Amino acid sequence: MAEARTGNRRVLTGTVISSNMEKTVIVEVVSLKAHPVYRKRYRTTKKYYVHDEENQCNPGDKITISETRPLSKTKRWRVLDIVERAR
C-alpha cells in the first residue's frame, strides 16, 4: 500500500496473485482513496504484470515493484525485492 519514487519511477508494494507464466507474475496492489465529495476512504485494487527474471516469486509473496521501460505489450514493471515470503 506504499508508494515511493526512485527518480521518476514509481515504486509500489503488492501481493503476488499468479505466477503461472514464464518470467512474469501478476501483482495486486491495494490502495486507499478518498471520495471527492464525502471524503470517505475506500480500498481499490489494481493488477500489474511484473517481470520476474529468475521466476523466484510465488503466489502470496509480498514484493516491491518498480516502474520500468515497456518489456512487452502489458509488462511495465519489474521486481525490486521480495519483502515477505508466503507461508
PDB file of N, CA and C in Angstrom:
ATOM      1  N   MET A   1       0.818  -1.191   0.000  1.00  0.00           N
ATOM      2  CA  MET A   1       0.000   0.000   0.000  1.00  0.00           C
ATOM      3  C   MET A   1       0.860   1.251   0.000  1.00  0.00           C
ATOM      4  N   ALA A   2       2.148   1.079  -0.028  1.00  0.00           N
ATOM      5  CA  ALA A   2       3.022   2.241  -0.013  1.00  0.00           C
ATOM      6  C   ALA A   2       3.444   2.578  -1.433  1.00  0.00           C
ATOM      7  N   GLU A   3       3.547   3.870  -1.691  1.00  0.00           N
ATOM      8  CA  GLU A   3       4.064   4.317  -2.975  1.00  0.00           C
ATOM      9  C   GLU A   3       5.237   5.236  -2.712  1.00  0.00           C
ATOM     10  N   ALA A   4       6.335   4.978  -3.385  1.00  0.00           N
ATOM     11  CA  ALA A   4       7.524   5.810  -3.253  1.00  0.00           C
ATOM     12  C   ALA A   4       8.024   6.139  -4.647  1.00  0.00           C
ATOM     13  N   ARG A   5       9.111   6.864  -4.722  1.00  0.00           N
ATOM     14  CA  ARG A   5       9.673   7.198  -6.023  1.00  0.00           C
ATOM     15  C   ARG A   5      11.182   7.015  -5.987  1.00  0.00           C
ATOM     16  N   THR A   6      11.720   6.467  -7.083  1.00  0.00           N
ATOM     17  CA  THR A   6      13.157   6.429  -7.280  1.00  0.00           C
ATOM     18  C   THR A   6      13.400   7.190  -8.571  1.00  0.00           C
ATOM     19  N   GLY A   7      13.829   8.440  -8.458  1.00  0.00           N
ATOM     20  CA  GLY A   7      13.924   9.285  -9.636  1.00  0.00           C
ATOM     21  C   GLY A   7      12.529   9.605 -10.121  1.00  0.00           C
ATOM     22  N   ASN A   8      12.220   9.271 -11.358  1.00  0.00           N
ATOM     23  CA  ASN A   8      10.885   9.497 -11.910  1.00  0.00           C
ATOM     24  C   ASN A   8      10.034   8.245 -11.902  1.00  0.00           C
ATOM     25  N   ARG A   9      10.546   7.148 -11.349  1.00  0.00           N
ATOM     26  CA  ARG A   9       9.837   5.873 -11.415  1.00  0.00           C
ATOM     27  C   ARG A   9       9.127   5.572 -10.108  1.00  0.00           C
ATOM     28  N   ARG A  10       7.884   5.129 -10.230  1.00  0.00           N
ATOM     29  CA  ARG A  10       7.102   4.776  -9.049  1.00  0.00           C
ATOM     30  C   ARG A  10       7.556   3.433  -8.494  1.00  0.00           C
ATOM     31  N   VAL A  11       7.450   3.287  -7.186  1.00  0.00           N
ATOM     32  CA  VAL A  11       7.751   2.033  -6.506  1.00  0.00           C
ATOM     33  C   VAL A  11       6.524   1.675  -5.682  1.00  0.00           C
ATOM     34  N   LEU A  12       5.981   0.465  -5.899  1.00  0.00           N
ATOM     35  CA  LEU A  12       4.779   0.014  -5.212  1.00  0.00           C
ATOM     36  C   LEU A  12       5.049  -1.290  -4.473  1.00  0.00           C
ATOM     37  N   THR A  13       4.216  -1.574  -3.487  1.00  0.00           N
ATOM     38  CA  THR A  13       4.286  -2.839  -2.770  1.00  0.00           C
ATOM     39  C   THR A  13       2.962  -3.562  -2.945  1.00  0.00           C
ATOM     40  N   GLY A  14       3.018  -4.847  -3.294  1.00  0.00           N
ATOM     41  CA  GLY A  14       1.792  -5.604  -3.515  1.00  0.00           C
ATOM     42  C   GLY A  14       1.988  -7.080  -3.253  1.00  0.00           C
ATOM     43  N   THR A  15       0.943  -7.844  -3.526  1.00  0.00           N
ATOM     44  CA  THR A  15       0.930  -9.278  -3.291  1.00  0.00           C
ATOM     45  C   THR A  15       0.836 -10.020  -4.615  1.00  0.00           C
ATOM     46  N   VAL A  16       1.662 -11.053  -4.778  1.00  0.00           N
ATOM     47  CA  VAL A  16       1.627 -11.874  -5.992  1.00  0.00           C
ATOM     48  C   VAL A  16       0.370 -12.729  -5.951  1.00  0.00           C
ATOM     49  N   ILE A  17      -0.429 -12.660  -7.022  1.00  0.00           N
ATOM     50  CA  ILE A  17      -1.635 -13.483  -7.075  1.00  0.00           C
ATOM     51  C   ILE A  17      -1.534 -14.587  -8.120  1.00  0.00           C
ATOM     52  N   SER A  18      -0.557 -14.496  -9.038  1.00  0.00           N
ATOM     53  CA  SER A  18      -0.387 -15.540 -10.041  1.00  0.00           C
ATOM     54  C   SER A  18       1.056 -15.554 -10.515  1.00  0.00           C
ATOM     55  N   SER A  19       1.599 -16.773 -10.671  1.00  0.00           N
ATOM     56  CA  SER A  19       2.959 -16.906 -11.206  1.00  0.00           C
ATOM     57  C   SER A  19       2.999 -18.039 -12.219  1.00  0.00           C
ATOM     58  N   ASN A  20       1.946 -18.179 -13.001  1.00  0.00           N
ATOM     59  CA  ASN A  20       1.842 -19.282 -13.948  1.00  0.00           C
ATOM     60  C   ASN A  20       2.630 -19.057 -15.230  1.00  0.00           C
ATOM     61  N   MET A  21       3.029 -17.826 -15.512  1.00  0.00           N
ATOM     62  CA  MET A  21       3.734 -17.526 -16.759  1.00  0.00           C
ATOM     63  C   MET A  21       5.241 -17.575 -16.551  1.00  0.00           C
ATOM     64  N   GLU A  22       5.985 -17.700 -17.642  1.00  0.00           N
ATOM     65  CA  GLU A  22       7.444 -17.668 -17.585  1.00  0.00           C
ATOM     66  C   GLU A  22       7.906 -16.227 -17.422  1.00  0.00           C
ATOM     67  N   LYS A  23       8.700 -15.974 -16.386  1.00  0.00           N
ATOM     68  CA  LYS A  23       9.314 -14.674 -16.123  1.00  0.00           C
ATOM     69  C   LYS A  23       8.307 -13.545 -15.919  1.00  0.00           C
ATOM     70  N   THR A  24       7.052 -13.883 -15.600  1.00  0.00           N
ATOM     71  CA  THR A  24       6.026 -12.873 -15.369  1.00  0.00           C
ATOM     72  C   THR A  24       5.172 -13.283 -14.183  1.00  0.00           C
ATOM     73  N   VAL A  25       4.878 -12.321 -13.313  1.00  0.00           N
ATOM     74  CA  VAL A  25       3.938 -12.546 -12.222  1.00  0.00           C
ATOM     75  C   VAL A  25       2.887 -11.448 -12.269  1.00  0.00           C
ATOM     76  N   ILE A  26       1.715 -11.756 -11.725  1.00  0.00           N
ATOM     77  CA  ILE A  26       0.665 -10.750 -11.619  1.00  0.00           C
ATOM     78  C   ILE A  26       0.598 -10.326 -10.161  1.00  0.00           C
ATOM     79  N   VAL A  27       0.700  -9.019  -9.934  1.00  0.00           N
ATOM     80  CA  VAL A  27       0.749  -8.465  -8.591  1.00  0.00           C
ATOM     81  C   VAL A  27      -0.482  -7.598  -8.374  1.00  0.00           C
ATOM     82  N   GLU A  28      -1.135  -7.787  -7.220  1.00  0.00           N
ATOM     83  CA  GLU A  28      -2.294  -6.983  -6.857  1.00  0.00           C
ATOM     84  C   GLU A  28      -1.855  -5.940  -5.829  1.00  0.00           C
ATOM     85  N   VAL A  29      -2.067  -4.671  -6.162  1.00  0.00           N
ATOM     86  CA  VAL A  29      -1.709  -3.564  -5.275  1.00  0.00           C
ATOM     87  C   VAL A  29      -2.988  -2.955  -4.733  1.00  0.00           C
ATOM     88  N   VAL A  30      -3.084  -2.860  -3.413  1.00  0.00           N
ATOM     89  CA  VAL A  30      -4.251  -2.288  -2.747  1.00  0.00           C
ATOM     90  C   VAL A  30      -3.891  -0.871  -2.328  1.00  0.00           C
ATOM     91  N   SER A  31      -4.771   0.080  -2.653  1.00  0.00           N
ATOM     92  CA  SER A  31      -4.529   1.461  -2.249  1.00  0.00           C
ATOM     93  C   SER A  31      -5.792   2.044  -1.649  1.00  0.00           C
ATOM     94  N   LEU A  32      -5.632   3.053  -0.826  1.00  0.00           N
ATOM     95  CA  LEU A  32      -6.751   3.756  -0.219  1.00  0.00           C
ATOM     96  C   LEU A  32      -6.957   5.068  -0.951  1.00  0.00           C
ATOM     97  N   LYS A  33      -8.201   5.351  -1.302  1.00  0.00           N
ATOM     98  CA  LYS A  33      -8.543   6.602  -1.959  1.00  0.00           C
ATOM     99  C   LYS A  33      -9.652   7.267  -1.171  1.00  0.00           C
ATOM    100  N   ALA A  34      -9.780   8.559  -1.346  1.00  0.00           N
ATOM    101  CA  ALA A  34     -10.836   9.297  -0.665  1.00  0.00           C
ATOM    102  C   ALA A  34     -11.870   9.737  -1.688  1.00  0.00           C
ATOM    103  N   HIS A  35     -13.150   9.613  -1.344  1.00  0.00           N
ATOM    104  CA  HIS A  35     -14.218  10.062  -2.219  1.00  0.00           C
ATOM    105  C   HIS A  35     -14.109  11.578  -2.369  1.00  0.00           C
ATOM    106  N   PRO A  36     -14.259  12.108  -3.590  1.00  0.00           N
ATOM    107  CA  PRO A  36     -14.027  13.542  -3.797  1.00  0.00           C
ATOM    108  C   PRO A  36     -14.995  14.453  -3.033  1.00  0.00           C
ATOM    109  N   VAL A  37     -16.224  14.035  -2.807  1.00  0.00           N
ATOM    110  CA  VAL A  37     -17.190  14.881  -2.118  1.00  0.00           C
ATOM    111  C   VAL A  37     -17.289  14.516  -0.640  1.00  0.00           C
ATOM    112  N   TYR A  38     -17.479  13.225  -0.352  1.00  0.00           N
ATOM    113  CA  TYR A  38     -17.770  12.815   1.020  1.00  0.00           C
ATOM    114  C   TYR A  38     -16.535  12.489   1.844  1.00  0.00           C
ATOM    115  N   ARG A  39     -15.376  12.403   1.214  1.00  0.00           N
ATOM    116  CA  ARG A  39     -14.105  12.159   1.894  1.00  0.00           C
ATOM    117  C   ARG A  39     -14.012  10.820   2.614  1.00  0.00           C
ATOM    118  N   LYS A  40     -14.972   9.925   2.371  1.00  0.00           N
ATOM    119  CA  LYS A  40     -14.861   8.584   2.940  1.00  0.00           C
ATOM    120  C   LYS A  40     -13.752   7.849   2.209  1.00  0.00           C
ATOM    121  N   ARG A  41     -12.912   7.148   2.958  1.00  0.00           N
ATOM    122  CA  ARG A  41     -11.812   6.401   2.352  1.00  0.00           C
ATOM    123  C   ARG A  41     -12.288   5.000   1.985  1.00  0.00           C
ATOM    124  N   TYR A  42     -11.868   4.533   0.808  1.00  0.00           N
ATOM    125  CA  TYR A  42     -12.242   3.203   0.342  1.00  0.00           C
ATOM    126  C   TYR A  42     -11.036   2.558  -0.325  1.00  0.00           C
ATOM    127  N   ARG A  43     -11.063   1.225  -0.343  1.00  0.00           N
ATOM    128  CA  ARG A  43      -9.958   0.460  -0.906  1.00  0.00           C
ATOM    129  C   ARG A  43     -10.192   0.192  -2.389  1.00  0.00           C
ATOM    130  N   THR A  44      -9.132   0.334  -3.167  1.00  0.00           N
ATOM    131  CA  THR A  44      -9.176  -0.062  -4.566  1.00  0.00           C
ATOM    132  C   THR A  44      -8.031  -1.026  -4.822  1.00  0.00           C
ATOM    133  N   THR A  45      -8.233  -1.942  -5.764  1.00  0.00           N
ATOM    134  CA  THR A  45      -7.178  -2.873  -6.124  1.00  0.00           C
ATOM    135  C   THR A  45      -6.869  -2.724  -7.605  1.00  0.00           C
ATOM    136  N   LYS A  46      -5.611  -2.927  -7.945  1.00  0.00           N
ATOM    137  CA  LYS A  46      -5.193  -2.882  -9.334  1.00  0.00           C
ATOM    138  C   LYS A  46      -4.174  -3.983  -9.559  1.00  0.00           C
ATOM    139  N   LYS A  47      -4.253  -4.621 -10.726  1.00  0.00           N
ATOM    140  CA  LYS A  47      -3.332  -5.704 -11.064  1.00  0.00           C
ATOM    141  C   LYS A  47      -2.260  -5.179 -12.011  1.00  0.00           C
ATOM    142  N   TYR A  48      -1.026  -5.588 -11.748  1.00  0.00           N
ATOM    143  CA  TYR A  48       0.102  -5.214 -12.595  1.00  0.00           C
ATOM    144  C   TYR A  48       0.802  -6.474 -13.070  1.00  0.00           C
ATOM    145  N   TYR A  49       1.221  -6.491 -14.339  1.00  0.00           N
ATOM    146  CA  TYR A  49       2.052  -7.563 -14.870  1.00  0.00           C
ATOM    147  C   TYR A  49       3.499  -7.156 -14.625  1.00  0.00           C
ATOM    148  N   VAL A  50       4.242  -8.022 -13.927  1.00  0.00           N
ATOM    149  CA  VAL A  50       5.573  -7.671 -13.444  1.00  0.00           C
ATOM    150  C   VAL A  50       6.590  -8.673 -13.969  1.00  0.00           C
ATOM    151  N   HIS A  51       7.745  -8.157 -14.403  1.00  0.00           N
ATOM    152  CA  HIS A  51       8.826  -9.005 -14.906  1.00  0.00           C
ATOM    153  C   HIS A  51       9.597  -9.608 -13.735  1.00  0.00           C
ATOM    154  N   ASP A  52       9.709 -10.942 -13.720  1.00  0.00           N
ATOM    155  CA  ASP A  52      10.416 -11.677 -12.676  1.00  0.00           C
ATOM    156  C   ASP A  52      11.445 -12.564 -13.366  1.00  0.00           C
ATOM    157  N   GLU A  53      12.646 -12.060 -13.530  1.00  0.00           N
ATOM    158  CA  GLU A  53      13.663 -12.714 -14.353  1.00  0.00           C
ATOM    159  C   GLU A  53      14.003 -14.121 -13.886  1.00  0.00           C
ATOM    160  N   GLU A  54      14.145 -14.352 -12.576  1.00  0.00           N
ATOM    161  CA  GLU A  54      14.560 -15.663 -12.074  1.00  0.00           C
ATOM    162  C   GLU A  54      13.399 -16.560 -11.670  1.00  0.00           C
ATOM    163  N   ASN A  55      12.165 -16.171 -11.935  1.00  0.00           N
ATOM    164  CA  ASN A  55      10.982 -16.943 -11.525  1.00  0.00           C
ATOM    165  C   ASN A  55      11.045 -17.285 -10.032  1.00  0.00           C
ATOM    166  N   GLN A  56      11.362 -16.315  -9.208  1.00  0.00           N
ATOM    167  CA  GLN A  56      11.542 -16.568  -7.778  1.00  0.00           C
ATOM    168  C   GLN A  56      10.314 -16.226  -6.945  1.00  0.00           C
ATOM    169  N   CYS A  57       9.307 -15.572  -7.515  1.00  0.00           N
ATOM    170  CA  CYS A  57       8.111 -15.184  -6.760  1.00  0.00           C
ATOM    171  C   CYS A  57       7.043 -16.271  -6.846  1.00  0.00           C
ATOM    172  N   ASN A  58       6.336 -16.462  -5.740  1.00  0.00           N
ATOM    173  CA  ASN A  58       5.248 -17.426  -5.662  1.00  0.00           C
ATOM    174  C   ASN A  58       3.989 -16.721  -5.196  1.00  0.00           C
ATOM    175  N   PRO A  59       2.811 -17.273  -5.483  1.00  0.00           N
ATOM    176  CA  PRO A  59       1.571 -16.637  -5.021  1.00  0.00           C
ATOM    177  C   PRO A  59       1.573 -16.456  -3.500  1.00  0.00           C
ATOM    178  N   GLY A  60       1.157 -15.281  -3.070  1.00  0.00           N
ATOM    179  CA  GLY A  60       1.116 -14.962  -1.657  1.00  0.00           C
ATOM    180  C   GLY A  60       2.299 -14.137  -1.187  1.00  0.00           C
ATOM    181  N   ASP A  61       3.376 -14.082  -1.974  1.00  0.00           N
ATOM    182  CA  ASP A  61       4.546 -13.283  -1.590  1.00  0.00           C
ATOM    183  C   ASP A  61       4.212 -11.797  -1.645  1.00  0.00           C
ATOM    184  N   LYS A  62       4.744 -11.044  -0.690  1.00  0.00           N
ATOM    185  CA  LYS A  62       4.655  -9.584  -0.748  1.00  0.00           C
ATOM    186  C   LYS A  62       5.946  -9.094  -1.378  1.00  0.00           C
ATOM    187  N   ILE A  63       5.824  -8.305  -2.466  1.00  0.00           N
ATOM    188  CA  ILE A  63       7.011  -7.851  -3.183  1.00  0.00           C
ATOM    189  C   ILE A  63       6.941  -6.351  -3.437  1.00  0.00           C
ATOM    190  N   THR A  64       8.106  -5.788  -3.722  1.00  0.00           N
ATOM    191  CA  THR A  64       8.217  -4.388  -4.113  1.00  0.00           C
ATOM    192  C   THR A  64       8.506  -4.356  -5.605  1.00  0.00           C
ATOM    193  N   ILE A  65       7.759  -3.530  -6.335  1.00  0.00           N
ATOM    194  CA  ILE A  65       7.925  -3.452  -7.786  1.00  0.00           C
ATOM    195  C   ILE A  65       8.262  -2.021  -8.182  1.00  0.00           C
ATOM    196  N   SER A  66       8.954  -1.885  -9.292  1.00  0.00           N
ATOM    197  CA  SER A  66       9.368  -0.577  -9.781  1.00  0.00           C
ATOM    198  C   SER A  66       8.961  -0.414 -11.236  1.00  0.00           C
ATOM    199  N   GLU A  67       8.572   0.787 -11.578  1.00  0.00           N
ATOM    200  CA  GLU A  67       8.207   1.110 -12.950  1.00  0.00           C
ATOM    201  C   GLU A  67       9.462   1.046 -13.821  1.00  0.00           C
ATOM    202  N   THR A  68       9.304   0.588 -15.059  1.00  0.00           N
ATOM    203  CA  THR A  68      10.447   0.467 -15.955  1.00  0.00           C
ATOM    204  C   THR A  68       9.984   0.698 -17.392  1.00  0.00           C
ATOM    205  N   ARG A  69      10.895   0.561 -18.320  1.00  0.00           N
ATOM    206  CA  ARG A  69      10.535   0.719 -19.730  1.00  0.00           C
ATOM    207  C   ARG A  69       9.610  -0.420 -20.137  1.00  0.00           C
ATOM    208  N   PRO A  70       8.866  -0.274 -21.233  1.00  0.00           N
ATOM    209  CA  PRO A  70       7.996  -1.372 -21.670  1.00  0.00           C
ATOM    210  C   PRO A  70       8.807  -2.616 -22.024  1.00  0.00           C
ATOM    211  N   LEU A  71       8.445  -3.737 -21.399  1.00  0.00           N
ATOM    212  CA  LEU A  71       9.127  -5.006 -21.650  1.00  0.00           C
ATOM    213  C   LEU A  71       8.324  -5.891 -22.583  1.00  0.00           C
ATOM    214  N   SER A  72       7.021  -5.668 -22.683  1.00  0.00           N
ATOM    215  CA  SER A  72       6.153  -6.382 -23.605  1.00  0.00           C
ATOM    216  C   SER A  72       4.896  -5.537 -23.773  1.00  0.00           C
ATOM    217  N   LYS A  73       3.866  -6.132 -24.342  1.00  0.00           N
ATOM    218  CA  LYS A  73       2.620  -5.396 -24.553  1.00  0.00           C
ATOM    219  C   LYS A  73       2.019  -4.904 -23.241  1.00  0.00           C
ATOM    220  N   THR A  74       2.096  -5.726 -22.199  1.00  0.00           N
ATOM    221  CA  THR A  74       1.456  -5.369 -20.934  1.00  0.00           C
ATOM    222  C   THR A  74       2.427  -5.138 -19.782  1.00  0.00           C
ATOM    223  N   LYS A  75       3.671  -5.616 -19.871  1.00  0.00           N
ATOM    224  CA  LYS A  75       4.602  -5.506 -18.741  1.00  0.00           C
ATOM    225  C   LYS A  75       5.318  -4.171 -18.747  1.00  0.00           C
ATOM    226  N   ARG A  76       5.133  -3.414 -17.637  1.00  0.00           N
ATOM    227  CA  ARG A  76       5.787  -2.124 -17.466  1.00  0.00           C
ATOM    228  C   ARG A  76       6.463  -2.014 -16.104  1.00  0.00           C
ATOM    229  N   TRP A  77       6.533  -3.132 -15.380  1.00  0.00           N
ATOM    230  CA  TRP A  77       7.065  -3.152 -14.019  1.00  0.00           C
ATOM    231  C   TRP A  77       8.051  -4.295 -13.874  1.00  0.00           C
ATOM    232  N   ARG A  78       8.974  -4.179 -12.907  1.00  0.00           N
ATOM    233  CA  ARG A  78       9.876  -5.282 -12.600  1.00  0.00           C
ATOM    234  C   ARG A  78      10.043  -5.422 -11.095  1.00  0.00           C
ATOM    235  N   VAL A  79      10.405  -6.626 -10.660  1.00  0.00           N
ATOM    236  CA  VAL A  79      10.532  -6.932  -9.240  1.00  0.00           C
ATOM    237  C   VAL A  79      11.799  -6.275  -8.697  1.00  0.00           C
ATOM    238  N   LEU A  80      11.649  -5.528  -7.587  1.00  0.00           N
ATOM    239  CA  LEU A  80      12.828  -4.992  -6.894  1.00  0.00           C
ATOM    240  C   LEU A  80      13.313  -5.959  -5.837  1.00  0.00           C
ATOM    241  N   ASP A  81      12.429  -6.336  -4.911  1.00  0.00           N
ATOM    242  CA  ASP A  81      12.800  -7.328  -3.914  1.00  0.00           C
ATOM    243  C   ASP A  81      11.551  -7.981  -3.319  1.00  0.00           C
ATOM    244  N   ILE A  82      11.795  -9.105  -2.670  1.00  0.00           N
ATOM    245  CA  ILE A  82      10.704  -9.847  -2.014  1.00  0.00           C
ATOM    246  C   ILE A  82      10.717  -9.436  -0.542  1.00  0.00           C
ATOM    247  N   VAL A  83       9.630  -8.806  -0.099  1.00  0.00           N
ATOM    248  CA  VAL A  83       9.537  -8.310   1.268  1.00  0.00           C
ATOM    249  C   VAL A  83       9.246  -9.447   2.234  1.00  0.00           C
ATOM    250  N   GLU A  84       8.276 -10.308   1.864  1.00  0.00           N
ATOM    251  CA  GLU A  84       7.867 -11.391   2.751  1.00  0.00           C
ATOM    252  C   GLU A  84       7.423 -12.581   1.912  1.00  0.00           C
ATOM    253  N   ARG A  85       7.925 -13.749   2.259  1.00  0.00           N
ATOM    254  CA  ARG A  85       7.534 -14.965   1.548  1.00  0.00           C
ATOM    255  C   ARG A  85       6.199 -15.466   2.060  1.00  0.00           C
ATOM    256  N   ALA A  86       5.457 -16.149   1.184  1.00  0.00           N
ATOM    257  CA  ALA A  86       4.186 -16.764   1.591  1.00  0.00           C
ATOM    258  C   ALA A  86       4.465 -17.962   2.490  1.00  0.00           C
ATOM    259  N   ARG A  87       3.533 -18.260   3.350  1.00  0.00           N
ATOM    260  CA  ARG A  87       3.732 -19.383   4.275  1.00  0.00           C
ATOM    261  C   ARG A  87       3.210 -20.670   3.720  1.00  0.00           C
TER     262      ARG A  87
END
